[in-house]
Amino acid sequence: MNTIEKHSKEQQFSNLVRTYRKQFIGKGPNSIKVSFKDNWAIAHMTGVLSKVEAFYLNDERNESMLHYTRTEKIKQMYKDIDVHEMEQLVGAKFVKLFTDIDLADDEVISVFVFDKSIE
């Protein structure tokens, strides 16, 4: 795959991630940058928290709840939804998601793992 095709697929993948998050969470990230490496799609997202979630962070007792919902529940979401369009785009079967959020910086790193190289 040439550089232009790869960039186009990465952008399309970003759009799918944004769509899934908006559809199932209610808010998509403000920005997403995706890079493909071997069988990984690595997504760096900023501006993922809603205004209500940001408000909840004014009380540190809410941090663990927000961290859980924005990591473990997101992983579960990708197990439960139809990701056929994503798989078709990259030409590989989705295996699992690794994700973590920095609540203070409103920043997420997600690694989508596929069953074969997507580069």
PDB file of N, CA and C in Angstrom:
ATOM      1  N   MET A   1       0.860  -1.176   0.000  1.00  0.00           N
ATOM      2  CA  MET A   1       0.000   0.000   0.000  1.00  0.00           C
ATOM      3  C   MET A   1       0.901   1.233   0.000  1.00  0.00           C
ATOM      4  N   ASN A   2       0.617   2.172  -0.894  1.00  0.00           N
ATOM      5  CA  ASN A   2       1.443   3.376  -0.934  1.00  0.00           C
ATOM      6  C   ASN A   2       1.034   4.345   0.174  1.00  0.00           C
ATOM      7  N   THR A   3       1.823   5.371   0.358  1.00  0.00           N
ATOM      8  CA  THR A   3       1.635   6.314   1.463  1.00  0.00           C
ATOM      9  C   THR A   3       0.277   7.008   1.403  1.00  0.00           C
ATOM     10  N   ILE A   4      -0.159   7.388   0.205  1.00  0.00           N
ATOM     11  CA  ILE A   4      -1.445   8.081   0.058  1.00  0.00           C
ATOM     12  C   ILE A   4      -2.597   7.140   0.413  1.00  0.00           C
ATOM     13  N   GLU A   5      -2.535   5.898  -0.060  1.00  0.00           N
ATOM     14  CA  GLU A   5      -3.581   4.917   0.269  1.00  0.00           C
ATOM     15  C   GLU A   5      -3.620   4.653   1.772  1.00  0.00           C
ATOM     16  N   LYS A   6      -2.436   4.512   2.391  1.00  0.00           N
ATOM     17  CA  LYS A   6      -2.364   4.255   3.825  1.00  0.00           C
ATOM     18  C   LYS A   6      -2.967   5.421   4.608  1.00  0.00           C
ATOM     19  N   HIS A   7      -2.602   6.632   4.234  1.00  0.00           N
ATOM     20  CA  HIS A   7      -3.139   7.814   4.921  1.00  0.00           C
ATOM     21  C   HIS A   7      -4.665   7.873   4.767  1.00  0.00           C
ATOM     22  N   SER A   8      -5.155   7.570   3.574  1.00  0.00           N
ATOM     23  CA  SER A   8      -6.597   7.585   3.325  1.00  0.00           C
ATOM     24  C   SER A   8      -7.308   6.544   4.191  1.00  0.00           C
ATOM     25  N   LYS A   9      -6.739   5.340   4.299  1.00  0.00           N
ATOM     26  CA  LYS A   9      -7.335   4.300   5.138  1.00  0.00           C
ATOM     27  C   LYS A   9      -7.288   4.692   6.612  1.00  0.00           C
ATOM     28  N   GLU A  10      -6.192   5.288   7.037  1.00  0.00           N
ATOM     29  CA  GLU A  10      -6.091   5.739   8.430  1.00  0.00           C
ATOM     30  C   GLU A  10      -7.157   6.792   8.725  1.00  0.00           C
ATOM     31  N   GLN A  11      -7.395   7.697   7.769  1.00  0.00           N
ATOM     32  CA  GLN A  11      -8.423   8.731   7.947  1.00  0.00           C
ATOM     33  C   GLN A  11      -9.811   8.101   7.987  1.00  0.00           C
ATOM     34  N   GLN A  12     -10.062   7.144   7.122  1.00  0.00           N
ATOM     35  CA  GLN A  12     -11.357   6.448   7.126  1.00  0.00           C
ATOM     36  C   GLN A  12     -11.556   5.691   8.437  1.00  0.00           C
ATOM     37  N   PHE A  13     -10.493   5.084   8.947  1.00  0.00           N
ATOM     38  CA  PHE A  13     -10.552   4.381  10.224  1.00  0.00           C
ATOM     39  C   PHE A  13     -10.886   5.369  11.343  1.00  0.00           C
ATOM     40  N   SER A  14     -10.256   6.534  11.327  1.00  0.00           N
ATOM     41  CA  SER A  14     -10.544   7.591  12.309  1.00  0.00           C
ATOM     42  C   SER A  14     -12.014   7.960  12.275  1.00  0.00           C
ATOM     43  N   ASN A  15     -12.550   8.099  11.080  1.00  0.00           N
ATOM     44  CA  ASN A  15     -13.959   8.463  10.936  1.00  0.00           C
ATOM     45  C   ASN A  15     -14.880   7.389  11.511  1.00  0.00           C
ATOM     46  N   LEU A  16     -14.529   6.111  11.309  1.00  0.00           N
ATOM     47  CA  LEU A  16     -15.325   5.022  11.878  1.00  0.00           C
ATOM     48  C   LEU A  16     -15.290   5.049  13.402  1.00  0.00           C
ATOM     49  N   VAL A  17     -14.106   5.246  13.971  1.00  0.00           N
ATOM     50  CA  VAL A  17     -13.984   5.309  15.434  1.00  0.00           C
ATOM     51  C   VAL A  17     -14.836   6.453  15.971  1.00  0.00           C
ATOM     52  N   ARG A  18     -14.769   7.601  15.333  1.00  0.00           N
ATOM     53  CA  ARG A  18     -15.572   8.762  15.757  1.00  0.00           C
ATOM     54  C   ARG A  18     -17.070   8.426  15.673  1.00  0.00           C
ATOM     55  N   THR A  19     -17.472   7.794  14.589  1.00  0.00           N
ATOM     56  CA  THR A  19     -18.879   7.425  14.400  1.00  0.00           C
ATOM     57  C   THR A  19     -19.348   6.457  15.471  1.00  0.00           C
ATOM     58  N   TYR A  20     -18.557   5.412  15.746  1.00  0.00           N
ATOM     59  CA  TYR A  20     -18.925   4.439  16.779  1.00  0.00           C
ATOM     60  C   TYR A  20     -19.086   5.122  18.132  1.00  0.00           C
ATOM     61  N   ARG A  21     -18.137   5.982  18.472  1.00  0.00           N
ATOM     62  CA  ARG A  21     -18.188   6.642  19.776  1.00  0.00           C
ATOM     63  C   ARG A  21     -19.380   7.586  19.873  1.00  0.00           C
ATOM     64  N   LYS A  22     -19.654   8.325  18.805  1.00  0.00           N
ATOM     65  CA  LYS A  22     -20.812   9.222  18.840  1.00  0.00           C
ATOM     66  C   LYS A  22     -22.107   8.429  18.947  1.00  0.00           C
ATOM     67  N   GLN A  23     -22.182   7.323  18.225  1.00  0.00           N
ATOM     68  CA  GLN A  23     -23.401   6.524  18.212  1.00  0.00           C
ATOM     69  C   GLN A  23     -23.664   5.856  19.558  1.00  0.00           C
ATOM     70  N   PHE A  24     -22.633   5.328  20.198  1.00  0.00           N
ATOM     71  CA  PHE A  24     -22.838   4.530  21.400  1.00  0.00           C
ATOM     72  C   PHE A  24     -22.523   5.263  22.705  1.00  0.00           C
ATOM     73  N   ILE A  25     -21.780   6.359  22.628  1.00  0.00           N
ATOM     74  CA  ILE A  25     -21.427   7.090  23.840  1.00  0.00           C
ATOM     75  C   ILE A  25     -22.080   8.469  23.865  1.00  0.00           C
ATOM     76  N   GLY A  26     -22.364   9.003  22.698  1.00  0.00           N
ATOM     77  CA  GLY A  26     -23.023  10.297  22.627  1.00  0.00           C
ATOM     78  C   GLY A  26     -22.098  11.441  22.273  1.00  0.00           C
ATOM     79  N   LYS A  27     -20.782  11.201  22.374  1.00  0.00           N
ATOM     80  CA  LYS A  27     -19.815  12.240  22.016  1.00  0.00           C
ATOM     81  C   LYS A  27     -18.597  11.579  21.403  1.00  0.00           C
ATOM     82  N   GLY A  28     -18.205  12.080  20.264  1.00  0.00           N
ATOM     83  CA  GLY A  28     -16.967  11.608  19.655  1.00  0.00           C
ATOM     84  C   GLY A  28     -15.824  12.513  20.059  1.00  0.00           C
ATOM     85  N   PRO A  29     -14.601  12.067  19.843  1.00  0.00           N
ATOM     86  CA  PRO A  29     -13.439  12.903  20.172  1.00  0.00           C
ATOM     87  C   PRO A  29     -13.367  14.134  19.275  1.00  0.00           C
ATOM     88  N   ASN A  30     -12.741  15.190  19.800  1.00  0.00           N
ATOM     89  CA  ASN A  30     -12.524  16.388  18.994  1.00  0.00           C
ATOM     90  C   ASN A  30     -11.527  16.124  17.883  1.00  0.00           C
ATOM     91  N   SER A  31     -10.506  15.322  18.194  1.00  0.00           N
ATOM     92  CA  SER A  31      -9.525  14.979  17.159  1.00  0.00           C
ATOM     93  C   SER A  31      -9.045  13.547  17.352  1.00  0.00           C
ATOM     94  N   ILE A  32      -8.739  12.904  16.232  1.00  0.00           N
ATOM     95  CA  ILE A  32      -8.213  11.534  16.228  1.00  0.00           C
ATOM     96  C   ILE A  32      -7.083  11.471  15.214  1.00  0.00           C
ATOM     97  N   LYS A  33      -6.003  10.845  15.630  1.00  0.00           N
ATOM     98  CA  LYS A  33      -4.900  10.549  14.707  1.00  0.00           C
ATOM     99  C   LYS A  33      -4.665   9.049  14.785  1.00  0.00           C
ATOM    100  N   VAL A  34      -4.753   8.380  13.645  1.00  0.00           N
ATOM    101  CA  VAL A  34      -4.583   6.929  13.587  1.00  0.00           C
ATOM    102  C   VAL A  34      -3.337   6.600  12.783  1.00  0.00           C
ATOM    103  N   SER A  35      -2.593   5.617  13.287  1.00  0.00           N
ATOM    104  CA  SER A  35      -1.433   5.086  12.573  1.00  0.00           C
ATOM    105  C   SER A  35      -1.551   3.572  12.543  1.00  0.00           C
ATOM    106  N   PHE A  36      -1.253   2.991  11.389  1.00  0.00           N
ATOM    107  CA  PHE A  36      -1.239   1.538  11.260  1.00  0.00           C
ATOM    108  C   PHE A  36       0.193   1.041  11.431  1.00  0.00           C
ATOM    109  N   LYS A  37       0.329  -0.021  12.193  1.00  0.00           N
ATOM    110  CA  LYS A  37       1.631  -0.666  12.389  1.00  0.00           C
ATOM    111  C   LYS A  37       1.400  -2.158  12.523  1.00  0.00           C
ATOM    112  N   ASP A  38       1.863  -2.929  11.549  1.00  0.00           N
ATOM    113  CA  ASP A  38       1.694  -4.379  11.511  1.00  0.00           C
ATOM    114  C   ASP A  38       0.210  -4.715  11.650  1.00  0.00           C
ATOM    115  N   ASN A  39      -0.199  -5.369  12.745  1.00  0.00           N
ATOM    116  CA  ASN A  39      -1.612  -5.729  12.912  1.00  0.00           C
ATOM    117  C   ASN A  39      -2.328  -4.808  13.919  1.00  0.00           C
ATOM    118  N   TRP A  40      -1.769  -3.641  14.149  1.00  0.00           N
ATOM    119  CA  TRP A  40      -2.342  -2.669  15.079  1.00  0.00           C
ATOM    120  C   TRP A  40      -2.807  -1.407  14.347  1.00  0.00           C
ATOM    121  N   ALA A  41      -3.924  -0.883  14.815  1.00  0.00           N
ATOM    122  CA  ALA A  41      -4.339   0.474  14.468  1.00  0.00           C
ATOM    123  C   ALA A  41      -4.271   1.247  15.772  1.00  0.00           C
ATOM    124  N   ILE A  42      -3.370   2.209  15.831  1.00  0.00           N
ATOM    125  CA  ILE A  42      -3.135   2.976  17.053  1.00  0.00           C
ATOM    126  C   ILE A  42      -3.822   4.327  16.895  1.00  0.00           C
ATOM    127  N   ALA A  43      -4.764   4.592  17.796  1.00  0.00           N
ATOM    128  CA  ALA A  43      -5.541   5.830  17.725  1.00  0.00           C
ATOM    129  C   ALA A  43      -5.225   6.709  18.930  1.00  0.00           C
ATOM    130  N   HIS A  44      -4.821   7.942  18.649  1.00  0.00           N
ATOM    131  CA  HIS A  44      -4.614   8.948  19.691  1.00  0.00           C
ATOM    132  C   HIS A  44      -5.758   9.941  19.572  1.00  0.00           C
ATOM    133  N   MET A  45      -6.534  10.081  20.640  1.00  0.00           N
ATOM    134  CA  MET A  45      -7.716  10.935  20.617  1.00  0.00           C
ATOM    135  C   MET A  45      -7.636  11.990  21.710  1.00  0.00           C
ATOM    136  N   THR A  46      -8.101  13.172  21.388  1.00  0.00           N
ATOM    137  CA  THR A  46      -8.198  14.241  22.378  1.00  0.00           C
ATOM    138  C   THR A  46      -9.627  14.790  22.367  1.00  0.00           C
ATOM    139  N   GLY A  47     -10.002  15.377  23.481  1.00  0.00           N
ATOM    140  CA  GLY A  47     -11.333  15.956  23.584  1.00  0.00           C
ATOM    141  C   GLY A  47     -12.427  14.903  23.598  1.00  0.00           C
ATOM    142  N   VAL A  48     -12.236  13.865  24.393  1.00  0.00           N
ATOM    143  CA  VAL A  48     -13.198  12.762  24.419  1.00  0.00           C
ATOM    144  C   VAL A  48     -14.258  12.918  25.505  1.00  0.00           C
ATOM    145  N   LEU A  49     -13.968  13.682  26.525  1.00  0.00           N
ATOM    146  CA  LEU A  49     -14.901  13.812  27.640  1.00  0.00           C
ATOM    147  C   LEU A  49     -16.029  14.783  27.316  1.00  0.00           C
ATOM    148  N   SER A  50     -17.235  14.418  27.751  1.00  0.00           N
ATOM    149  CA  SER A  50     -18.367  15.333  27.605  1.00  0.00           C
ATOM    150  C   SER A  50     -18.245  16.439  28.654  1.00  0.00           C
ATOM    151  N   LYS A  51     -19.050  17.463  28.522  1.00  0.00           N
ATOM    152  CA  LYS A  51     -19.049  18.545  29.509  1.00  0.00           C
ATOM    153  C   LYS A  51     -19.457  18.023  30.882  1.00  0.00           C
ATOM    154  N   VAL A  52     -20.399  17.099  30.908  1.00  0.00           N
ATOM    155  CA  VAL A  52     -20.843  16.530  32.181  1.00  0.00           C
ATOM    156  C   VAL A  52     -19.715  15.737  32.831  1.00  0.00           C
ATOM    157  N   GLU A  53     -18.999  14.931  32.034  1.00  0.00           N
ATOM    158  CA  GLU A  53     -17.877  14.158  32.586  1.00  0.00           C
ATOM    159  C   GLU A  53     -16.793  15.089  33.120  1.00  0.00           C
ATOM    160  N   ALA A  54     -16.489  16.142  32.385  1.00  0.00           N
ATOM    161  CA  ALA A  54     -15.496  17.115  32.853  1.00  0.00           C
ATOM    162  C   ALA A  54     -15.957  17.758  34.163  1.00  0.00           C
ATOM    163  N   PHE A  55     -17.245  18.044  34.274  1.00  0.00           N
ATOM    164  CA  PHE A  55     -17.799  18.590  35.506  1.00  0.00           C
ATOM    165  C   PHE A  55     -17.630  17.592  36.653  1.00  0.00           C
ATOM    166  N   TYR A  56     -17.898  16.306  36.389  1.00  0.00           N
ATOM    167  CA  TYR A  56     -17.740  15.271  37.418  1.00  0.00           C
ATOM    168  C   TYR A  56     -16.313  15.206  37.945  1.00  0.00           C
ATOM    169  N   LEU A  57     -15.358  15.542  37.119  1.00  0.00           N
ATOM    170  CA  LEU A  57     -13.954  15.482  37.535  1.00  0.00           C
ATOM    171  C   LEU A  57     -13.590  16.562  38.546  1.00  0.00           C
ATOM    172  N   ASN A  58     -14.508  17.491  38.804  1.00  0.00           N
ATOM    173  CA  ASN A  58     -14.276  18.472  39.872  1.00  0.00           C
ATOM    174  C   ASN A  58     -14.240  17.796  41.241  1.00  0.00           C
ATOM    175  N   ASP A  59     -14.743  16.582  41.306  1.00  0.00           N
ATOM    176  CA  ASP A  59     -14.725  15.795  42.541  1.00  0.00           C
ATOM    177  C   ASP A  59     -13.912  14.537  42.265  1.00  0.00           C
ATOM    178  N   GLU A  60     -12.775  14.408  42.926  1.00  0.00           N
ATOM    179  CA  GLU A  60     -11.865  13.288  42.645  1.00  0.00           C
ATOM    180  C   GLU A  60     -12.485  11.917  42.905  1.00  0.00           C
ATOM    181  N   ARG A  61     -13.555  11.868  43.671  1.00  0.00           N
ATOM    182  CA  ARG A  61     -14.228  10.581  43.920  1.00  0.00           C
ATOM    183  C   ARG A  61     -14.819   9.994  42.638  1.00  0.00           C
ATOM    184  N   ASN A  62     -15.012  10.815  41.618  1.00  0.00           N
ATOM    185  CA  ASN A  62     -15.591  10.350  40.354  1.00  0.00           C
ATOM    186  C   ASN A  62     -14.543   9.833  39.370  1.00  0.00           C
ATOM    187  N   GLU A  63     -13.264  10.035  39.666  1.00  0.00           N
ATOM    188  CA  GLU A  63     -12.212   9.653  38.729  1.00  0.00           C
ATOM    189  C   GLU A  63     -12.214   8.167  38.400  1.00  0.00           C
ATOM    190  N   SER A  64     -12.326   7.319  39.408  1.00  0.00           N
ATOM    191  CA  SER A  64     -12.265   5.878  39.140  1.00  0.00           C
ATOM    192  C   SER A  64     -13.468   5.419  38.312  1.00  0.00           C
ATOM    193  N   MET A  65     -14.635   5.983  38.562  1.00  0.00           N
ATOM    194  CA  MET A  65     -15.825   5.645  37.782  1.00  0.00           C
ATOM    195  C   MET A  65     -15.646   6.062  36.331  1.00  0.00           C
ATOM    196  N   LEU A  66     -15.171   7.269  36.103  1.00  0.00           N
ATOM    197  CA  LEU A  66     -14.961   7.745  34.736  1.00  0.00           C
ATOM    198  C   LEU A  66     -13.871   6.946  34.029  1.00  0.00           C
ATOM    199  N   HIS A  67     -12.797   6.634  34.751  1.00  0.00           N
ATOM    200  CA  HIS A  67     -11.729   5.846  34.148  1.00  0.00           C
ATOM    201  C   HIS A  67     -12.263   4.477  33.732  1.00  0.00           C
ATOM    202  N   TYR A  68     -13.035   3.855  34.599  1.00  0.00           N
ATOM    203  CA  TYR A  68     -13.625   2.546  34.296  1.00  0.00           C
ATOM    204  C   TYR A  68     -14.543   2.617  33.066  1.00  0.00           C
ATOM    205  N   THR A  69     -15.428   3.599  33.038  1.00  0.00           N
ATOM    206  CA  THR A  69     -16.372   3.677  31.914  1.00  0.00           C
ATOM    207  C   THR A  69     -15.670   4.000  30.609  1.00  0.00           C
ATOM    208  N   ARG A  70     -14.592   4.770  30.677  1.00  0.00           N
ATOM    209  CA  ARG A  70     -13.894   5.158  29.453  1.00  0.00           C
ATOM    210  C   ARG A  70     -12.781   4.179  29.059  1.00  0.00           C
ATOM    211  N   THR A  71     -12.617   3.099  29.810  1.00  0.00           N
ATOM    212  CA  THR A  71     -11.671   2.044  29.411  1.00  0.00           C
ATOM    213  C   THR A  71     -12.398   0.708  29.298  1.00  0.00           C
ATOM    214  N   GLU A  72     -12.807   0.149  30.404  1.00  0.00           N
ATOM    215  CA  GLU A  72     -13.408  -1.190  30.404  1.00  0.00           C
ATOM    216  C   GLU A  72     -14.736  -1.230  29.641  1.00  0.00           C
ATOM    217  N   LYS A  73     -15.562  -0.221  29.808  1.00  0.00           N
ATOM    218  CA  LYS A  73     -16.849  -0.215  29.100  1.00  0.00           C
ATOM    219  C   LYS A  73     -16.652   0.028  27.599  1.00  0.00           C
ATOM    220  N   ILE A  74     -15.630   0.793  27.233  1.00  0.00           N
ATOM    221  CA  ILE A  74     -15.325   0.995  25.806  1.00  0.00           C
ATOM    222  C   ILE A  74     -14.853  -0.322  25.191  1.00  0.00           C
ATOM    223  N   LYS A  75     -13.995  -1.057  25.902  1.00  0.00           N
ATOM    224  CA  LYS A  75     -13.560  -2.367  25.404  1.00  0.00           C
ATOM    225  C   LYS A  75     -14.761  -3.277  25.198  1.00  0.00           C
ATOM    226  N   GLN A  76     -15.673  -3.276  26.152  1.00  0.00           N
ATOM    227  CA  GLN A  76     -16.872  -4.105  26.037  1.00  0.00           C
ATOM    228  C   GLN A  76     -17.733  -3.668  24.855  1.00  0.00           C
ATOM    229  N   MET A  77     -17.820  -2.367  24.641  1.00  0.00           N
ATOM    230  CA  MET A  77     -18.610  -1.847  23.531  1.00  0.00           C
ATOM    231  C   MET A  77     -18.136  -2.435  22.208  1.00  0.00           C
ATOM    232  N   TYR A  78     -16.810  -2.465  22.002  1.00  0.00           N
ATOM    233  CA  TYR A  78     -16.266  -2.984  20.745  1.00  0.00           C
ATOM    234  C   TYR A  78     -16.464  -4.495  20.611  1.00  0.00           C
ATOM    235  N   LYS A  79     -16.663  -5.201  21.713  1.00  0.00           N
ATOM    236  CA  LYS A  79     -17.007  -6.623  21.644  1.00  0.00           C
ATOM    237  C   LYS A  79     -18.458  -6.804  21.233  1.00  0.00           C
ATOM    238  N   ASP A  80     -19.301  -5.846  21.613  1.00  0.00           N
ATOM    239  CA  ASP A  80     -20.745  -5.977  21.430  1.00  0.00           C
ATOM    240  C   ASP A  80     -21.266  -5.414  20.107  1.00  0.00           C
ATOM    241  N   ILE A  81     -20.561  -4.464  19.515  1.00  0.00           N
ATOM    242  CA  ILE A  81     -21.082  -3.828  18.299  1.00  0.00           C
ATOM    243  C   ILE A  81     -20.587  -4.540  17.045  1.00  0.00           C
ATOM    244  N   ASP A  82     -21.229  -4.254  15.936  1.00  0.00           N
ATOM    245  CA  ASP A  82     -20.841  -4.807  14.644  1.00  0.00           C
ATOM    246  C   ASP A  82     -19.712  -3.947  14.062  1.00  0.00           C
ATOM    247  N   VAL A  83     -18.518  -4.520  13.994  1.00  0.00           N
ATOM    248  CA  VAL A  83     -17.355  -3.786  13.474  1.00  0.00           C
ATOM    249  C   VAL A  83     -16.990  -4.259  12.066  1.00  0.00           C
ATOM    250  N   HIS A  84     -17.967  -4.841  11.365  1.00  0.00           N
ATOM    251  CA  HIS A  84     -17.730  -5.374  10.021  1.00  0.00           C
ATOM    252  C   HIS A  84     -17.138  -4.315   9.086  1.00  0.00           C
ATOM    253  N   GLU A  85     -17.661  -3.089   9.162  1.00  0.00           N
ATOM    254  CA  GLU A  85     -17.175  -2.022   8.285  1.00  0.00           C
ATOM    255  C   GLU A  85     -15.694  -1.724   8.553  1.00  0.00           C
ATOM    256  N   MET A  86     -15.302  -1.743   9.816  1.00  0.00           N
ATOM    257  CA  MET A  86     -13.907  -1.532  10.190  1.00  0.00           C
ATOM    258  C   MET A  86     -13.037  -2.678   9.661  1.00  0.00           C
ATOM    259  N   GLU A  87     -13.509  -3.895   9.850  1.00  0.00           N
ATOM    260  CA  GLU A  87     -12.766  -5.068   9.378  1.00  0.00           C
ATOM    261  C   GLU A  87     -12.637  -5.062   7.858  1.00  0.00           C
ATOM    262  N   GLN A  88     -13.704  -4.686   7.179  1.00  0.00           N
ATOM    263  CA  GLN A  88     -13.681  -4.622   5.721  1.00  0.00           C
ATOM    264  C   GLN A  88     -12.680  -3.564   5.247  1.00  0.00           C
ATOM    265  N   LEU A  89     -12.632  -2.440   5.928  1.00  0.00           N
ATOM    266  CA  LEU A  89     -11.709  -1.363   5.560  1.00  0.00           C
ATOM    267  C   LEU A  89     -10.263  -1.821   5.623  1.00  0.00           C
ATOM    268  N   VAL A  90      -9.883  -2.518   6.696  1.00  0.00           N
ATOM    269  CA  VAL A  90      -8.482  -2.903   6.875  1.00  0.00           C
ATOM    270  C   VAL A  90      -8.174  -4.292   6.334  1.00  0.00           C
ATOM    271  N   GLY A  91      -9.201  -5.063   5.998  1.00  0.00           N
ATOM    272  CA  GLY A  91      -8.988  -6.394   5.429  1.00  0.00           C
ATOM    273  C   GLY A  91      -8.516  -7.421   6.439  1.00  0.00           C
ATOM    274  N   ALA A  92      -8.956  -7.279   7.689  1.00  0.00           N
ATOM    275  CA  ALA A  92      -8.544  -8.202   8.754  1.00  0.00           C
ATOM    276  C   ALA A  92      -9.642  -8.254   9.808  1.00  0.00           C
ATOM    277  N   LYS A  93      -9.618  -9.317  10.596  1.00  0.00           N
ATOM    278  CA  LYS A  93     -10.619  -9.520  11.647  1.00  0.00           C
ATOM    279  C   LYS A  93     -10.160  -8.830  12.933  1.00  0.00           C
ATOM    280  N   PHE A  94     -11.070  -8.060  13.534  1.00  0.00           N
ATOM    281  CA  PHE A  94     -10.805  -7.390  14.808  1.00  0.00           C
ATOM    282  C   PHE A  94     -10.705  -8.440  15.903  1.00  0.00           C
ATOM    283  N   VAL A  95      -9.639  -8.364  16.715  1.00  0.00           N
ATOM    284  CA  VAL A  95      -9.402  -9.332  17.783  1.00  0.00           C
ATOM    285  C   VAL A  95      -9.739  -8.744  19.151  1.00  0.00           C
ATOM    286  N   LYS A  96      -9.139  -7.589  19.469  1.00  0.00           N
ATOM    287  CA  LYS A  96      -9.396  -6.957  20.760  1.00  0.00           C
ATOM    288  C   LYS A  96      -8.891  -5.529  20.771  1.00  0.00           C
ATOM    289  N   LEU A  97      -9.249  -4.837  21.858  1.00  0.00           N
ATOM    290  CA  LEU A  97      -8.881  -3.438  22.029  1.00  0.00           C
ATOM    291  C   LEU A  97      -8.149  -3.256  23.346  1.00  0.00           C
ATOM    292  N   PHE A  98      -7.039  -2.539  23.285  1.00  0.00           N
ATOM    293  CA  PHE A  98      -6.360  -2.050  24.475  1.00  0.00           C
ATOM    294  C   PHE A  98      -6.593  -0.542  24.482  1.00  0.00           C
ATOM    295  N   THR A  99      -6.992   0.001  25.629  1.00  0.00           N
ATOM    296  CA  THR A  99      -7.239   1.447  25.674  1.00  0.00           C
ATOM    297  C   THR A  99      -6.983   1.989  27.074  1.00  0.00           C
ATOM    298  N   ASP A 100      -6.570   3.245  27.121  1.00  0.00           N
ATOM    299  CA  ASP A 100      -6.410   3.938  28.401  1.00  0.00           C
ATOM    300  C   ASP A 100      -6.681   5.414  28.178  1.00  0.00           C
ATOM    301  N   ILE A 101      -7.088   6.072  29.253  1.00  0.00           N
ATOM    302  CA  ILE A 101      -7.420   7.489  29.187  1.00  0.00           C
ATOM    303  C   ILE A 101      -6.636   8.253  30.242  1.00  0.00           C
ATOM    304  N   ASP A 102      -6.201   9.438  29.883  1.00  0.00           N
ATOM    305  CA  ASP A 102      -5.642  10.395  30.840  1.00  0.00           C
ATOM    306  C   ASP A 102      -6.740  11.425  31.069  1.00  0.00           C
ATOM    307  N   LEU A 103      -7.425  11.304  32.181  1.00  0.00           N
ATOM    308  CA  LEU A 103      -8.570  12.172  32.456  1.00  0.00           C
ATOM    309  C   LEU A 103      -8.171  13.633  32.583  1.00  0.00           C
ATOM    310  N   ALA A 104      -7.033  13.891  33.196  1.00  0.00           N
ATOM    311  CA  ALA A 104      -6.595  15.273  33.403  1.00  0.00           C
ATOM    312  C   ALA A 104      -6.333  15.984  32.081  1.00  0.00           C
ATOM    313  N   ASP A 105      -5.771  15.246  31.115  1.00  0.00           N
ATOM    314  CA  ASP A 105      -5.455  15.840  29.810  1.00  0.00           C
ATOM    315  C   ASP A 105      -6.525  15.581  28.757  1.00  0.00           C
ATOM    316  N   ASP A 106      -7.590  14.826  29.125  1.00  0.00           N
ATOM    317  CA  ASP A 106      -8.681  14.515  28.196  1.00  0.00           C
ATOM    318  C   ASP A 106      -8.118  13.894  26.909  1.00  0.00           C
ATOM    319  N   GLU A 107      -7.372  12.817  27.118  1.00  0.00           N
ATOM    320  CA  GLU A 107      -6.610  12.208  26.026  1.00  0.00           C
ATOM    321  C   GLU A 107      -6.695  10.684  26.143  1.00  0.00           C
ATOM    322  N   VAL A 108      -6.862  10.002  25.010  1.00  0.00           N
ATOM    323  CA  VAL A 108      -7.001   8.548  24.977  1.00  0.00           C
ATOM    324  C   VAL A 108      -6.025   7.966  23.964  1.00  0.00           C
ATOM    325  N   ILE A 109      -5.457   6.813  24.325  1.00  0.00           N
ATOM    326  CA  ILE A 109      -4.722   5.991  23.374  1.00  0.00           C
ATOM    327  C   ILE A 109      -5.457   4.663  23.300  1.00  0.00           C
ATOM    328  N   SER A 110      -5.821   4.256  22.095  1.00  0.00           N
ATOM    329  CA  SER A 110      -6.467   2.969  21.875  1.00  0.00           C
ATOM    330  C   SER A 110      -5.677   2.204  20.829  1.00  0.00           C
ATOM    331  N   VAL A 111      -5.453   0.929  21.102  1.00  0.00           N
ATOM    332  CA  VAL A 111      -4.762   0.055  20.161  1.00  0.00           C
ATOM    333  C   VAL A 111      -5.755  -1.036  19.760  1.00  0.00           C
ATOM    334  N   PHE A 112      -6.168  -0.987  18.502  1.00  0.00           N
ATOM    335  CA  PHE A 112      -7.064  -1.982  17.931  1.00  0.00           C
ATOM    336  C   PHE A 112      -6.191  -3.085  17.345  1.00  0.00           C
ATOM    337  N   VAL A 113      -6.398  -4.312  17.805  1.00  0.00           N
ATOM    338  CA  VAL A 113      -5.580  -5.445  17.379  1.00  0.00           C
ATOM    339  C   VAL A 113      -6.377  -6.275  16.377  1.00  0.00           C
ATOM    340  N   PHE A 114      -5.738  -6.584  15.249  1.00  0.00           N
ATOM    341  CA  PHE A 114      -6.363  -7.390  14.204  1.00  0.00           C
ATOM    342  C   PHE A 114      -5.607  -8.714  14.039  1.00  0.00           C
ATOM    343  N   ASP A 115      -6.205  -9.647  13.334  1.00  0.00           N
ATOM    344  CA  ASP A 115      -5.632 -10.993  13.229  1.00  0.00           C
ATOM    345  C   ASP A 115      -4.499 -11.110  12.208  1.00  0.00           C
ATOM    346  N   LYS A 116      -4.248 -10.048  11.444  1.00  0.00           N
ATOM    347  CA  LYS A 116      -3.125 -10.041  10.500  1.00  0.00           C
ATOM    348  C   LYS A 116      -2.730  -8.604  10.208  1.00  0.00           C
ATOM    349  N   SER A 117      -1.622  -8.440   9.524  1.00  0.00           N
ATOM    350  CA  SER A 117      -1.115  -7.104   9.230  1.00  0.00           C
ATOM    351  C   SER A 117      -2.146  -6.284   8.458  1.00  0.00           C
ATOM    352  N   ILE A 118      -2.265  -5.024   8.820  1.00  0.00           N
ATOM    353  CA  ILE A 118      -3.171  -4.106   8.138  1.00  0.00           C
ATOM    354  C   ILE A 118      -2.419  -2.998   7.405  1.00  0.00           C
ATOM    355  N   GLU A 119      -1.112  -3.077   7.407  1.00  0.00           N
ATOM    356  CA  GLU A 119      -0.298  -2.070   6.716  1.00  0.00           C
ATOM    357  C   GLU A 119      -0.351  -2.264   5.216  1.00  0.00           C
TER     358      GLU A 119
END
